[in-house]
Amino acid sequence: MTLNPTTAAVGIGTNSPIDKLHVIGGTRLYQNGLDGINTHLYLANVTNDKAFNFQLNANTSSSVSLNLWSFTSGPGWSNRFTFTQTGALGIGTTTPIDQLHVIGGIRSYKGGLDAISPQLYLGNAGNTKAFSFQLNGAETAMNLWAYNSGWNNRFAFTTSGCLGIGVGNSAPLAYLHVKGPDQGTALYLENTSTITAATQINVVRNDQSTAFSVVNAVQIGKTVYRIWVLEQHILEIKSH
């Protein structure tokens, strides 16, 4: 151990400390009481009205966690995160029930310039199937990509409020733009089995009056589709 009499710096594992305490090597801290919340590392400003406190929470042998508390004059102490022995991290909660448990907002920024850096990536255990949420290169839309032997865009939500659904539909041309596969159903609407007459599609005007609607009904064992325009029944299609 070295003590610099000029700077009052203590060096452990070094002969030239550059801080008040300079350690090269491992540092081990133990609780010195039985209250389970003793300070292990306390960091504060000069006036001691703002501070952080790392501490071990070990009130019971079955519940051990590392907590970070912050202090500001007025509100007092607040828990900022909790890290448990099982590897769960809680932000805004002291009792995380998943590997990452957040109570409060989450904000993510792109970390690269490649225009496809994922901001939220969800994959299976073998990383053979995955979803990736990301901001597009032009920064005009949020895209959801799906991976299954290759990446495909599944939907895009633009800053102008347009939603594009379907493979490759990354630039929707309307508030809802559905692009179907070469063969298959692009849009499927189904009413509940307990309703015998329900509106499948309803387009309303600013005054909430119906401008266009398609109604599915049951008539003597037959399915009937009625199309209304400006509240006038103009077409009826029956199944045989």
Protein backbone atom coordinates (compact mmCIF):
# COMPACT_ATOMS: atom_id res chain seq x y z
CA MET A 1 0.00 0.00 0.00
CA THR A 2 1.24 3.48 -0.88
CA LEU A 3 0.23 6.78 0.71
CA ASN A 4 1.04 9.96 -1.20
CA PRO A 5 1.52 12.61 1.53
CA THR A 6 1.08 15.47 -0.93
CA THR A 7 -2.28 14.44 -2.42
CA ALA A 8 -3.40 12.15 0.44
CA ALA A 9 -4.02 9.47 -2.19
CA VAL A 10 -3.88 5.81 -1.22
CA GLY A 11 -2.68 3.22 -3.69
CA ILE A 12 -3.29 -0.50 -3.25
CA GLY A 13 -1.48 -2.56 -5.85
CA THR A 14 0.07 0.59 -7.29
CA ASN A 15 2.82 2.99 -6.16
CA SER A 16 1.39 5.96 -8.07
CA PRO A 17 -2.27 6.46 -7.10
CA ILE A 18 -4.11 9.02 -9.20
CA ASP A 19 -7.27 9.15 -7.05
CA LYS A 20 -7.95 9.26 -3.33
CA LEU A 21 -8.23 5.48 -3.46
CA HIS A 22 -6.61 3.68 -6.40
CA VAL A 23 -6.85 -0.12 -6.41
CA ILE A 24 -5.30 -2.50 -8.90
CA GLY A 25 -6.69 -5.93 -8.16
CA GLY A 26 -9.90 -7.27 -6.70
CA THR A 27 -12.02 -5.41 -4.19
CA ARG A 28 -14.33 -7.25 -1.81
CA LEU A 29 -16.91 -5.61 0.47
CA TYR A 30 -18.96 -7.26 3.23
CA GLN A 31 -21.90 -6.06 5.27
CA ASN A 32 -21.03 -4.90 8.74
CA GLY A 33 -24.49 -5.15 10.26
CA LEU A 34 -27.64 -7.24 10.38
CA ASP A 35 -30.14 -4.76 8.93
CA GLY A 36 -29.65 -6.08 5.39
CA ILE A 37 -29.32 -2.62 3.84
CA ASN A 38 -25.85 -1.44 4.85
CA THR A 39 -24.06 0.86 2.42
CA HIS A 40 -21.43 -0.86 0.31
CA LEU A 41 -20.55 1.96 -2.08
CA TYR A 42 -21.74 5.52 -1.59
CA LEU A 43 -21.09 8.26 -4.18
CA ALA A 44 -22.13 11.86 -3.48
CA ASN A 45 -21.49 15.41 -4.63
CA VAL A 46 -19.61 17.97 -2.51
CA THR A 47 -22.73 19.23 -0.71
CA ASN A 48 -24.07 15.69 -0.19
CA ASP A 49 -27.53 16.63 -1.52
CA LYS A 50 -27.24 14.28 -4.50
CA ALA A 51 -25.93 10.75 -4.19
CA PHE A 52 -25.94 7.15 -5.37
CA ASN A 53 -25.77 4.18 -3.06
CA PHE A 54 -24.98 0.58 -4.09
CA GLN A 55 -26.06 -1.87 -1.44
CA LEU A 56 -26.71 -5.53 -0.86
CA ASN A 57 -30.27 -6.38 0.10
CA ALA A 58 -30.07 -9.57 2.13
CA ASN A 59 -32.88 -9.48 4.63
CA THR A 60 -33.49 -13.18 4.03
CA SER A 61 -31.19 -15.95 2.87
CA SER A 62 -33.53 -16.73 -0.03
CA SER A 63 -33.74 -13.16 -1.33
CA VAL A 64 -30.43 -11.52 -2.16
CA SER A 65 -30.08 -8.65 -4.61
CA LEU A 66 -27.85 -5.71 -5.48
CA ASN A 67 -29.69 -2.39 -5.45
CA LEU A 68 -28.80 1.05 -6.73
CA TRP A 69 -30.47 3.90 -4.88
CA SER A 70 -30.32 7.60 -5.77
CA PHE A 71 -30.83 10.58 -3.49
CA THR A 72 -31.88 14.15 -4.21
CA SER A 73 -32.94 16.66 -1.61
CA GLY A 74 -36.71 16.80 -1.45
CA PRO A 75 -37.81 13.42 -2.86
CA GLY A 76 -35.18 11.60 -0.82
CA TRP A 77 -34.05 8.06 -1.65
CA SER A 78 -35.44 6.16 -4.67
CA ASN A 79 -34.58 2.69 -5.92
CA ARG A 80 -33.25 2.85 -9.48
CA PHE A 81 -32.47 -0.77 -10.25
CA THR A 82 -32.31 -4.19 -8.64
CA PHE A 83 -30.12 -7.07 -9.81
CA THR A 84 -30.92 -10.48 -8.34
CA GLN A 85 -28.80 -13.59 -7.87
CA THR A 86 -30.89 -15.34 -10.54
CA GLY A 87 -29.73 -12.79 -13.13
CA ALA A 88 -32.94 -10.74 -13.27
CA LEU A 89 -32.62 -6.98 -13.67
CA GLY A 90 -35.43 -4.76 -12.44
CA ILE A 91 -35.65 -1.11 -13.45
CA GLY A 92 -38.39 0.73 -11.61
CA THR A 93 -39.12 -2.38 -9.55
CA THR A 94 -37.36 -4.18 -6.70
CA THR A 95 -38.96 -7.53 -7.53
CA PRO A 96 -38.17 -8.40 -11.19
CA ILE A 97 -39.96 -11.51 -12.44
CA ASP A 98 -38.12 -11.76 -15.80
CA GLN A 99 -34.52 -11.35 -16.95
CA LEU A 100 -35.39 -7.71 -17.73
CA HIS A 101 -38.38 -6.20 -15.94
CA VAL A 102 -39.05 -2.50 -16.54
CA ILE A 103 -41.76 -0.35 -15.00
CA GLY A 104 -41.71 2.94 -16.89
CA GLY A 105 -40.78 4.08 -20.38
CA ILE A 106 -38.11 2.55 -22.60
CA ARG A 107 -36.27 4.66 -25.18
CA SER A 108 -33.98 3.14 -27.80
CA TYR A 109 -31.72 4.86 -30.32
CA LYS A 110 -29.97 3.35 -33.30
CA GLY A 111 -26.41 2.35 -32.58
CA GLY A 112 -25.13 2.19 -36.17
CA LEU A 113 -25.20 3.85 -39.56
CA ASP A 114 -26.16 0.80 -41.62
CA ALA A 115 -29.88 1.76 -41.61
CA ILE A 116 -30.87 -1.72 -40.44
CA SER A 117 -29.46 -1.82 -36.92
CA PRO A 118 -32.09 -3.57 -34.76
CA GLN A 119 -33.50 -1.60 -31.89
CA LEU A 120 -35.43 -4.54 -30.47
CA TYR A 121 -34.45 -8.09 -31.43
CA LEU A 122 -36.40 -11.16 -30.32
CA GLY A 123 -35.10 -14.60 -31.23
CA ASN A 124 -35.65 -18.23 -30.25
CA ALA A 125 -33.10 -20.28 -28.31
CA GLY A 126 -31.30 -21.44 -31.46
CA ASN A 127 -31.56 -18.02 -33.14
CA THR A 128 -33.11 -19.70 -36.20
CA LYS A 129 -36.32 -17.64 -36.00
CA ALA A 130 -36.48 -14.03 -34.94
CA PHE A 131 -38.25 -10.68 -35.11
CA SER A 132 -36.47 -7.34 -35.37
CA PHE A 133 -38.01 -3.90 -34.82
CA GLN A 134 -35.97 -1.14 -36.41
CA LEU A 135 -36.06 2.40 -37.78
CA ASN A 136 -35.66 2.41 -41.56
CA GLY A 137 -32.74 4.06 -43.34
CA ALA A 138 -34.69 7.19 -44.25
CA GLU A 139 -35.91 7.40 -40.63
CA THR A 140 -39.51 7.70 -41.87
CA ALA A 141 -40.92 4.39 -40.64
CA MET A 142 -40.65 1.71 -37.98
CA ASN A 143 -40.37 -1.73 -39.58
CA LEU A 144 -40.93 -5.20 -38.22
CA TRP A 145 -38.77 -7.84 -39.87
CA ALA A 146 -39.19 -11.60 -39.42
CA TYR A 147 -36.47 -14.19 -39.92
CA ASN A 148 -37.12 -17.78 -41.00
CA SER A 149 -34.34 -18.92 -43.36
CA GLY A 150 -34.10 -15.28 -44.45
CA TRP A 151 -35.31 -11.79 -43.50
CA ASN A 152 -38.69 -10.41 -44.69
CA ASN A 153 -40.38 -7.14 -43.86
CA ARG A 154 -43.76 -7.85 -42.21
CA PHE A 155 -45.10 -4.40 -41.50
CA ALA A 156 -44.11 -0.74 -41.63
CA PHE A 157 -45.59 2.11 -39.60
CA THR A 158 -44.67 5.51 -40.98
CA THR A 159 -44.26 8.85 -39.24
CA SER A 160 -47.29 10.07 -41.22
CA GLY A 161 -49.48 7.41 -39.58
CA CYS A 162 -49.67 4.89 -42.44
CA LEU A 163 -49.56 1.17 -41.70
CA GLY A 164 -48.33 -1.27 -44.31
CA ILE A 165 -48.92 -4.98 -43.76
CA GLY A 166 -47.48 -7.74 -45.92
CA VAL A 167 -44.16 -9.03 -47.21
CA GLY A 168 -42.16 -6.21 -48.75
CA ASN A 169 -44.76 -3.57 -47.96
CA SER A 170 -42.32 -1.06 -46.47
CA ALA A 171 -43.80 2.06 -48.10
CA PRO A 172 -47.60 2.05 -47.50
CA LEU A 173 -49.63 4.30 -49.81
CA ALA A 174 -52.62 4.73 -47.48
CA TYR A 175 -53.41 4.72 -43.77
CA LEU A 176 -53.92 0.96 -44.13
CA HIS A 177 -52.15 -0.76 -47.01
CA VAL A 178 -52.35 -4.56 -47.14
CA LYS A 179 -50.14 -6.43 -49.59
CA GLY A 180 -50.99 -10.11 -49.92
CA PRO A 181 -48.92 -13.03 -51.20
CA ASP A 182 -48.95 -14.16 -54.84
CA GLN A 183 -51.36 -16.89 -53.83
CA GLY A 184 -53.43 -16.66 -50.69
CA THR A 185 -55.68 -14.37 -48.70
CA ALA A 186 -54.56 -10.78 -48.16
CA LEU A 187 -57.32 -9.72 -45.75
CA TYR A 188 -59.53 -12.04 -43.68
CA LEU A 189 -62.52 -10.76 -41.69
CA GLU A 190 -64.51 -13.00 -39.36
CA ASN A 191 -67.36 -12.16 -37.02
CA THR A 192 -68.03 -14.10 -33.83
CA SER A 193 -70.23 -17.21 -33.95
CA THR A 194 -72.71 -15.71 -31.48
CA ILE A 195 -73.65 -12.82 -33.76
CA THR A 196 -76.06 -13.51 -36.61
CA ALA A 197 -75.80 -10.06 -38.16
CA ALA A 198 -72.63 -8.02 -37.87
CA THR A 199 -70.90 -5.28 -39.81
CA GLN A 200 -67.73 -6.62 -41.41
CA ILE A 201 -66.57 -3.34 -42.96
CA ASN A 202 -67.78 0.08 -41.92
CA VAL A 203 -66.53 3.38 -43.35
CA VAL A 204 -67.88 6.51 -41.67
CA ARG A 205 -67.76 10.21 -42.49
CA ASN A 206 -66.61 13.01 -40.17
CA ASP A 207 -70.11 13.30 -38.71
CA GLN A 208 -69.97 9.54 -37.89
CA SER A 209 -72.70 8.68 -40.41
CA THR A 210 -72.08 5.58 -42.49
CA ALA A 211 -70.59 6.14 -45.91
CA PHE A 212 -70.02 2.49 -46.87
CA SER A 213 -70.64 -0.79 -45.07
CA VAL A 214 -70.70 -4.52 -45.70
CA VAL A 215 -72.98 -6.50 -43.38
CA ASN A 216 -72.86 -10.27 -42.91
CA ALA A 217 -76.21 -11.80 -41.93
CA VAL A 218 -77.88 -15.22 -41.75
CA GLN A 219 -81.16 -15.72 -43.60
CA ILE A 220 -82.91 -19.11 -43.50
CA GLY A 221 -79.66 -21.08 -43.40
CA LYS A 222 -77.93 -18.92 -45.99
CA THR A 223 -75.14 -16.40 -45.55
CA VAL A 224 -76.13 -13.00 -46.86
CA TYR A 225 -73.80 -10.09 -47.54
CA ARG A 226 -75.47 -6.70 -47.85
CA ILE A 227 -73.59 -3.65 -49.15
CA TRP A 228 -74.74 -0.19 -48.14
CA VAL A 229 -73.54 3.12 -49.60
CA LEU A 230 -74.59 6.37 -47.92
CA GLU A 231 -77.02 4.35 -45.81
CA GLN A 232 -78.75 2.99 -48.94
CA HIS A 233 -78.96 -0.78 -49.46
CA ILE A 234 -77.62 -1.26 -53.00
CA LEU A 235 -76.47 -4.89 -53.24
CA GLU A 236 -77.20 -8.25 -51.63
CA ILE A 237 -75.23 -11.47 -52.18
CA LYS A 238 -76.50 -14.84 -50.93
CA SER A 239 -74.70 -18.14 -50.60
CA HIS A 240 -76.36 -21.31 -51.93
